[in-house]
Amino acid sequence: MQQRTVITGGAGFIGSHLCDYFVEQGHDVVCLDDLLTGAASHVEHLLGNPNFTFIHYDVTEYIHVGGRVDNVLHFASPASPVDYLEYPIQTLKVGALGTHKALGLAKSKDARFLLASTSEVYGDPQRHPQPEDYWGNVNPVGPRGVYDEAKRYAEALTMAYHRYHGVDTRIARIFNTYGPRMRLYDGRALPTFFRQALMGNPLTVYGDGSQTRSFCHIQDTVRGIALLLDSDQHDPVNIGNPDELTIRELADEIVEITCSDSEIVYQPLPEDDPQVRQPDITRARQVLGWEPRIDRREGLRMVLEYFQRAVNQEAEQQNR
């Protein structure tokens, strides 16, 4: 029987790639998104497909989807510092109320539920790399706390629904992911560096650039999420690439890949910015048989064409 899959935040970066994946797998996909940070253009190529439905909807309200539902994937949330600093209340609401409503839908339909959590639940970690049994080091009243605590609450609520109501739940702790459909101005280091390098502007590195991140290509992330959904794993699972590098090294690589003459400039480090970020993916290897396949430099070359096209489109719009 054809599976029916609801994806909240399905017009976002990761959500839209999940819509593509599950439509290709033959699912009937229902995409819910209020387009606060998502974009209709991310899913417009699916609109003529009989196995895809887009509904403009705020998932902090009661969610009704008629008919059978087999899977609910909750990916609705601002997900970059620029977004959740601009929309702090909405970020908290979608993490709390949105998760509650999405879990309620899964409960009422007896559907599997998968929460998109984040490596940000580890905060500025004092354990490195970060395994799932590390509880994190989060400042709940700092500017990043609206996102970190929204996701930590969402995880607690998800486990409460699993334990108390018996909902069949999954939790994916997603680390830095990159690929097509990232916004040029979403504030994250990788798209910012590509935009700056391709426009010939200086690359802005915060702090001294020694802070680390680990970047996973969207194809690997989507594959890991799909494997987690099909598993029986209820505890959180890290989905990320353990290939760690400094932000300065990332800037240098992007300058090289884009053949840019841009220089590196330094700005003060934002408050509560994590100094290290690297997933321990032992659990994902053991319970999912998953690990990333795409080498970082290969992946950066794969997205170069997308960012070049996005920069060109922006230049054309500015010249009109």
Protein backbone atom coordinates (compact mmCIF):
# COMPACT_ATOMS: atom_id res chain seq x y z
CA MET A 1 0.00 0.00 0.00
CA GLN A 2 1.23 3.50 -0.84
CA GLN A 3 2.49 5.31 2.26
CA ARG A 4 1.19 8.77 3.11
CA THR A 5 3.73 11.12 4.63
CA VAL A 6 3.14 14.56 6.15
CA ILE A 7 6.16 16.88 6.28
CA THR A 8 5.88 20.09 8.29
CA GLY A 9 8.29 22.77 7.12
CA GLY A 10 8.33 20.94 3.80
CA ALA A 11 9.16 24.08 1.81
CA GLY A 12 12.31 24.68 3.84
CA PHE A 13 15.84 23.66 2.92
CA ILE A 14 15.95 20.13 4.34
CA GLY A 15 12.17 19.70 4.26
CA SER A 16 11.94 20.30 0.51
CA HIS A 17 14.64 17.73 -0.20
CA LEU A 18 12.68 15.26 1.95
CA CYS A 19 9.57 16.02 -0.13
CA ASP A 20 11.60 15.17 -3.26
CA TYR A 21 12.91 11.96 -1.71
CA PHE A 22 9.60 10.59 -0.49
CA VAL A 23 7.76 11.49 -3.70
CA GLU A 24 10.48 9.61 -5.59
CA GLN A 25 9.96 6.67 -3.22
CA GLY A 26 6.30 6.56 -4.21
CA HIS A 27 4.83 8.16 -1.09
CA ASP A 28 1.79 10.44 -1.15
CA VAL A 29 3.41 13.55 0.39
CA VAL A 30 1.54 16.35 2.16
CA CYS A 31 3.74 19.42 2.69
CA LEU A 32 2.70 21.93 5.36
CA ASP A 33 4.55 25.27 5.52
CA ASP A 34 3.66 28.85 6.46
CA LEU A 35 6.59 30.12 4.32
CA LEU A 36 8.03 32.22 7.15
CA THR A 37 11.53 31.04 6.22
CA GLY A 38 10.66 28.43 3.58
CA ALA A 39 9.99 29.22 -0.07
CA ALA A 40 7.23 28.00 -2.39
CA SER A 41 9.85 27.88 -5.16
CA HIS A 42 11.52 24.95 -3.37
CA VAL A 43 8.55 22.68 -4.10
CA GLU A 44 6.95 24.28 -7.16
CA HIS A 45 8.43 21.55 -9.40
CA LEU A 46 6.32 19.04 -7.44
CA LEU A 47 3.00 20.87 -7.71
CA GLY A 48 1.82 18.99 -10.80
CA ASN A 49 2.62 15.62 -9.27
CA PRO A 50 -0.51 13.72 -8.14
CA ASN A 51 1.49 12.34 -5.20
CA PHE A 52 2.24 15.80 -3.77
CA THR A 53 0.06 18.32 -1.98
CA PHE A 54 1.17 21.70 -0.64
CA ILE A 55 -0.85 23.37 2.10
CA HIS A 56 0.03 26.87 3.32
CA TYR A 57 -0.38 26.36 7.05
CA ASP A 58 0.87 27.47 10.47
CA VAL A 59 1.52 24.24 12.35
CA THR A 60 1.29 25.94 15.74
CA GLU A 61 -2.47 25.74 15.11
CA TYR A 62 -4.48 22.51 15.27
CA ILE A 63 -3.37 20.27 12.39
CA HIS A 64 -6.04 18.39 10.47
CA VAL A 65 -5.13 16.14 7.56
CA GLY A 66 -7.98 14.06 6.20
CA GLY A 67 -7.55 10.38 5.50
CA ARG A 68 -4.84 7.93 6.47
CA VAL A 69 -1.39 9.16 7.55
CA ASP A 70 1.53 6.76 7.95
CA ASN A 71 4.38 9.14 8.78
CA VAL A 72 4.69 12.63 10.27
CA LEU A 73 8.06 14.37 9.89
CA HIS A 74 8.24 17.59 11.92
CA PHE A 75 10.74 19.92 10.23
CA ALA A 76 8.97 23.25 10.71
CA SER A 77 11.22 25.82 12.41
CA PRO A 78 13.50 28.74 11.67
CA ALA A 79 16.90 27.07 11.62
CA SER A 80 19.62 29.68 11.15
CA PRO A 81 20.83 32.33 13.62
CA VAL A 82 19.58 35.14 11.37
CA ASP A 83 16.10 33.61 11.34
CA TYR A 84 15.65 32.67 14.98
CA LEU A 85 17.10 35.98 16.16
CA GLU A 86 14.56 37.77 13.93
CA TYR A 87 11.71 35.45 14.88
CA PRO A 88 12.41 34.39 18.49
CA ILE A 89 8.77 33.98 19.55
CA GLN A 90 7.84 32.05 16.40
CA THR A 91 10.84 29.77 16.94
CA LEU A 92 9.75 28.95 20.47
CA LYS A 93 6.13 28.48 19.41
CA VAL A 94 6.92 26.07 16.59
CA GLY A 95 9.26 24.10 18.84
CA ALA A 96 6.63 23.84 21.59
CA LEU A 97 3.14 24.25 20.11
CA GLY A 98 4.12 23.02 16.63
CA THR A 99 5.68 19.86 18.02
CA HIS A 100 2.62 19.32 20.23
CA LYS A 101 0.25 19.65 17.25
CA ALA A 102 2.39 17.42 15.00
CA LEU A 103 2.60 14.76 17.71
CA GLY A 104 -1.15 15.03 18.16
CA LEU A 105 -1.62 14.33 14.45
CA ALA A 106 0.68 11.29 14.66
CA LYS A 107 -1.17 10.02 17.74
CA SER A 108 -4.62 10.43 16.16
CA LYS A 109 -3.51 8.66 12.95
CA ASP A 110 -1.39 5.99 14.67
CA ALA A 111 1.48 7.21 12.50
CA ARG A 112 5.25 7.12 12.93
CA PHE A 113 6.65 10.47 14.06
CA LEU A 114 10.13 11.87 13.36
CA LEU A 115 11.36 15.05 15.01
CA ALA A 116 14.00 17.19 13.35
CA SER A 117 16.17 18.12 16.31
CA THR A 118 19.60 19.67 16.08
CA SER A 119 23.20 19.59 17.24
CA GLU A 120 22.37 22.90 18.95
CA VAL A 121 20.88 20.90 21.85
CA TYR A 122 24.54 20.37 22.83
CA GLY A 123 25.09 24.14 23.04
CA ASP A 124 28.75 25.13 23.43
CA PRO A 125 29.82 21.57 24.24
CA GLN A 126 32.30 20.58 26.89
CA ARG A 127 32.48 17.04 25.49
CA HIS A 128 34.03 16.44 22.10
CA PRO A 129 32.94 14.91 19.79
CA GLN A 130 29.32 14.97 20.90
CA PRO A 131 27.57 11.61 21.54
CA GLU A 132 23.84 11.34 22.09
CA ASP A 133 24.21 10.68 25.82
CA TYR A 134 25.82 14.12 26.34
CA TRP A 135 23.24 16.50 27.85
CA GLY A 136 24.79 19.69 26.54
CA ASN A 137 25.92 23.11 27.74
CA VAL A 138 23.18 25.58 26.76
CA ASN A 139 22.57 29.15 27.93
CA PRO A 140 18.76 29.21 28.22
CA VAL A 141 18.54 33.03 28.42
CA GLY A 142 21.09 33.88 25.72
CA PRO A 143 20.08 34.97 22.21
CA ARG A 144 20.54 31.45 20.82
CA GLY A 145 18.50 29.93 23.64
CA VAL A 146 15.22 30.40 21.78
CA TYR A 147 16.30 27.79 19.23
CA ASP A 148 18.34 25.53 21.51
CA GLU A 149 15.66 25.29 24.19
CA ALA A 150 12.82 24.99 21.69
CA LYS A 151 14.47 21.88 20.29
CA ARG A 152 15.35 20.48 23.72
CA TYR A 153 11.72 20.91 24.77
CA ALA A 154 10.58 19.32 21.51
CA GLU A 155 12.75 16.28 22.27
CA ALA A 156 11.30 16.01 25.80
CA LEU A 157 7.75 16.29 24.47
CA THR A 158 8.45 13.68 21.79
CA MET A 159 9.74 11.20 24.38
CA ALA A 160 6.75 11.96 26.65
CA TYR A 161 4.34 11.10 23.81
CA HIS A 162 6.31 7.92 23.18
CA ARG A 163 6.34 6.82 26.81
CA TYR A 164 2.87 7.97 27.85
CA HIS A 165 0.81 7.62 24.65
CA GLY A 166 2.86 4.93 22.90
CA VAL A 167 3.49 7.07 19.80
CA ASP A 168 6.11 5.48 17.54
CA THR A 169 8.69 8.27 17.60
CA ARG A 170 12.17 9.05 16.23
CA ILE A 171 14.54 11.95 17.00
CA ALA A 172 17.18 13.07 14.50
CA ARG A 173 19.85 15.40 15.86
CA ILE A 174 20.93 17.04 12.63
CA PHE A 175 24.36 18.68 12.38
CA ASN A 176 25.36 21.37 9.87
CA THR A 177 23.91 20.41 6.50
CA TYR A 178 24.54 22.10 3.15
CA GLY A 179 23.31 21.83 -0.41
CA PRO A 180 21.09 23.44 -3.04
CA ARG A 181 18.23 25.68 -1.82
CA MET A 182 20.22 27.26 0.97
CA ARG A 183 19.51 30.99 1.10
CA LEU A 184 22.39 33.33 0.29
CA TYR A 185 21.63 35.53 3.30
CA ASP A 186 20.56 32.98 5.90
CA GLY A 187 23.56 33.87 8.06
CA ARG A 188 25.21 30.45 8.08
CA ALA A 189 28.92 30.32 7.34
CA LEU A 190 28.89 28.13 4.23
CA PRO A 191 26.35 30.01 2.06
CA THR A 192 27.73 33.32 3.33
CA PHE A 193 31.27 32.38 2.26
CA PHE A 194 30.09 31.21 -1.16
CA ARG A 195 28.12 34.41 -1.70
CA GLN A 196 30.98 36.64 -0.62
CA ALA A 197 33.60 34.75 -2.64
CA LEU A 198 31.50 34.64 -5.82
CA MET A 199 30.69 38.36 -5.54
CA GLY A 200 34.34 39.22 -4.95
CA ASN A 201 33.68 40.54 -1.45
CA PRO A 202 35.78 39.86 1.65
CA LEU A 203 34.84 36.69 3.53
CA THR A 204 33.68 37.51 7.06
CA VAL A 205 35.08 35.18 9.72
CA TYR A 206 33.88 35.65 13.29
CA GLY A 207 36.36 35.43 16.14
CA ASP A 208 39.77 34.13 15.10
CA GLY A 209 38.25 31.41 12.89
CA SER A 210 39.50 28.58 15.11
CA GLN A 211 35.97 27.43 16.04
CA THR A 212 35.08 24.16 14.31
CA ARG A 213 32.08 22.78 12.44
CA SER A 214 31.30 19.53 10.61
CA PHE A 215 29.38 19.80 7.32
CA CYS A 216 27.18 17.09 5.84
CA HIS A 217 25.84 17.13 2.27
CA ILE A 218 22.05 17.19 1.99
CA GLN A 219 21.99 13.86 0.12
CA ASP A 220 23.68 12.12 3.05
CA THR A 221 21.42 13.87 5.58
CA VAL A 222 18.23 12.86 3.74
CA ARG A 223 19.43 9.27 3.47
CA GLY A 224 20.15 9.17 7.20
CA ILE A 225 16.72 10.59 8.06
CA ALA A 226 14.99 8.04 5.81
CA LEU A 227 16.90 5.18 7.44
CA LEU A 228 16.03 6.48 10.90
CA LEU A 229 12.33 6.70 9.98
CA ASP A 230 12.40 3.05 8.89
CA SER A 231 14.24 1.93 12.04
CA ASP A 232 12.93 1.01 15.48
CA GLN A 233 15.22 3.50 17.22
CA HIS A 234 13.40 5.80 19.66
CA ASP A 235 16.42 7.42 21.31
CA PRO A 236 18.06 10.43 19.59
CA VAL A 237 20.45 9.70 16.73
CA ASN A 238 23.13 12.10 15.46
CA ILE A 239 22.93 12.68 11.71
CA GLY A 240 26.05 14.54 10.60
CA ASN A 241 29.48 14.24 9.08
CA PRO A 242 32.32 13.83 11.60
CA ASP A 243 34.76 15.46 9.15
CA GLU A 244 35.60 18.47 11.34
CA LEU A 245 37.40 21.64 10.22
CA THR A 246 37.86 25.19 11.43
CA ILE A 247 35.79 28.04 10.03
CA ARG A 248 38.99 29.64 8.74
CA GLU A 249 39.84 26.43 6.88
CA LEU A 250 36.34 26.40 5.37
CA ALA A 251 36.78 30.00 4.21
CA ASP A 252 40.12 29.13 2.59
CA GLU A 253 38.62 26.09 0.83
CA ILE A 254 35.73 28.09 -0.61
CA VAL A 255 38.07 30.83 -1.84
CA GLU A 256 40.10 28.10 -3.58
CA ILE A 257 37.08 26.28 -5.07
CA THR A 258 35.52 29.49 -6.39
CA CYS A 259 38.88 30.77 -7.73
CA SER A 260 38.15 33.99 -5.87
CA ASP A 261 40.56 36.80 -5.00
CA SER A 262 38.57 37.65 -1.87
CA GLU A 263 40.45 38.31 1.33
CA ILE A 264 39.50 37.14 4.82
CA VAL A 265 38.33 39.73 7.36
CA TYR A 266 37.54 39.18 11.02
CA GLN A 267 34.59 40.33 13.14
CA PRO A 268 33.83 39.80 16.85
CA LEU A 269 32.44 36.38 17.77
CA PRO A 270 28.67 36.40 18.45
CA GLU A 271 27.44 35.61 21.97
CA ASP A 272 27.27 31.90 22.85
CA ASP A 273 28.70 30.83 19.50
CA PRO A 274 29.83 27.18 19.94
CA GLN A 275 33.60 26.71 19.84
CA VAL A 276 33.45 23.12 18.57
CA ARG A 277 30.93 20.95 16.76
CA GLN A 278 31.53 17.35 15.69
CA PRO A 279 29.08 14.44 15.80
CA ASP A 280 29.88 11.07 17.27
CA ILE A 281 27.98 8.88 14.78
CA THR A 282 28.66 5.52 16.46
CA ARG A 283 24.95 5.03 17.12
CA ALA A 284 23.98 5.86 13.51
CA ARG A 285 26.55 3.38 12.22
CA GLN A 286 25.37 0.65 14.60
CA VAL A 287 21.57 1.00 14.45
CA LEU A 288 21.09 2.46 10.95
CA GLY A 289 24.13 1.24 9.06
CA TRP A 290 24.55 4.89 8.03
CA GLU A 291 27.51 7.15 7.54
CA PRO A 292 28.18 9.99 5.09
CA ARG A 293 29.38 9.05 1.62
CA ILE A 294 30.14 12.46 0.09
CA ASP A 295 33.58 13.90 0.79
CA ARG A 296 33.46 17.53 1.88
CA ARG A 297 35.56 18.95 -0.94
CA GLU A 298 33.58 16.93 -3.47
CA GLY A 299 30.36 18.20 -1.90
CA LEU A 300 31.51 21.82 -2.00
CA ARG A 301 32.26 21.47 -5.70
CA MET A 302 28.81 19.92 -6.19
CA VAL A 303 27.07 23.00 -4.74
CA LEU A 304 29.28 25.57 -6.49
CA GLU A 305 27.02 25.69 -9.56
CA TYR A 306 23.93 26.26 -7.40
CA PHE A 307 25.51 29.18 -5.52
CA GLN A 308 26.87 30.68 -8.72
CA ARG A 309 23.40 30.57 -10.25
CA ALA A 310 21.86 32.10 -7.11
CA VAL A 311 24.40 34.94 -7.10
CA ASN A 312 23.78 35.59 -10.81
CA GLN A 313 20.00 35.69 -10.26
CA GLU A 314 20.41 38.18 -7.46
CA ALA A 315 22.63 40.39 -9.63
CA GLU A 316 20.02 40.31 -12.42
CA GLN A 317 17.27 41.34 -10.01
CA GLN A 318 19.34 44.22 -8.68
CA ASN A 319 20.04 45.46 -12.22
CA ARG A 320 16.36 45.57 -13.22
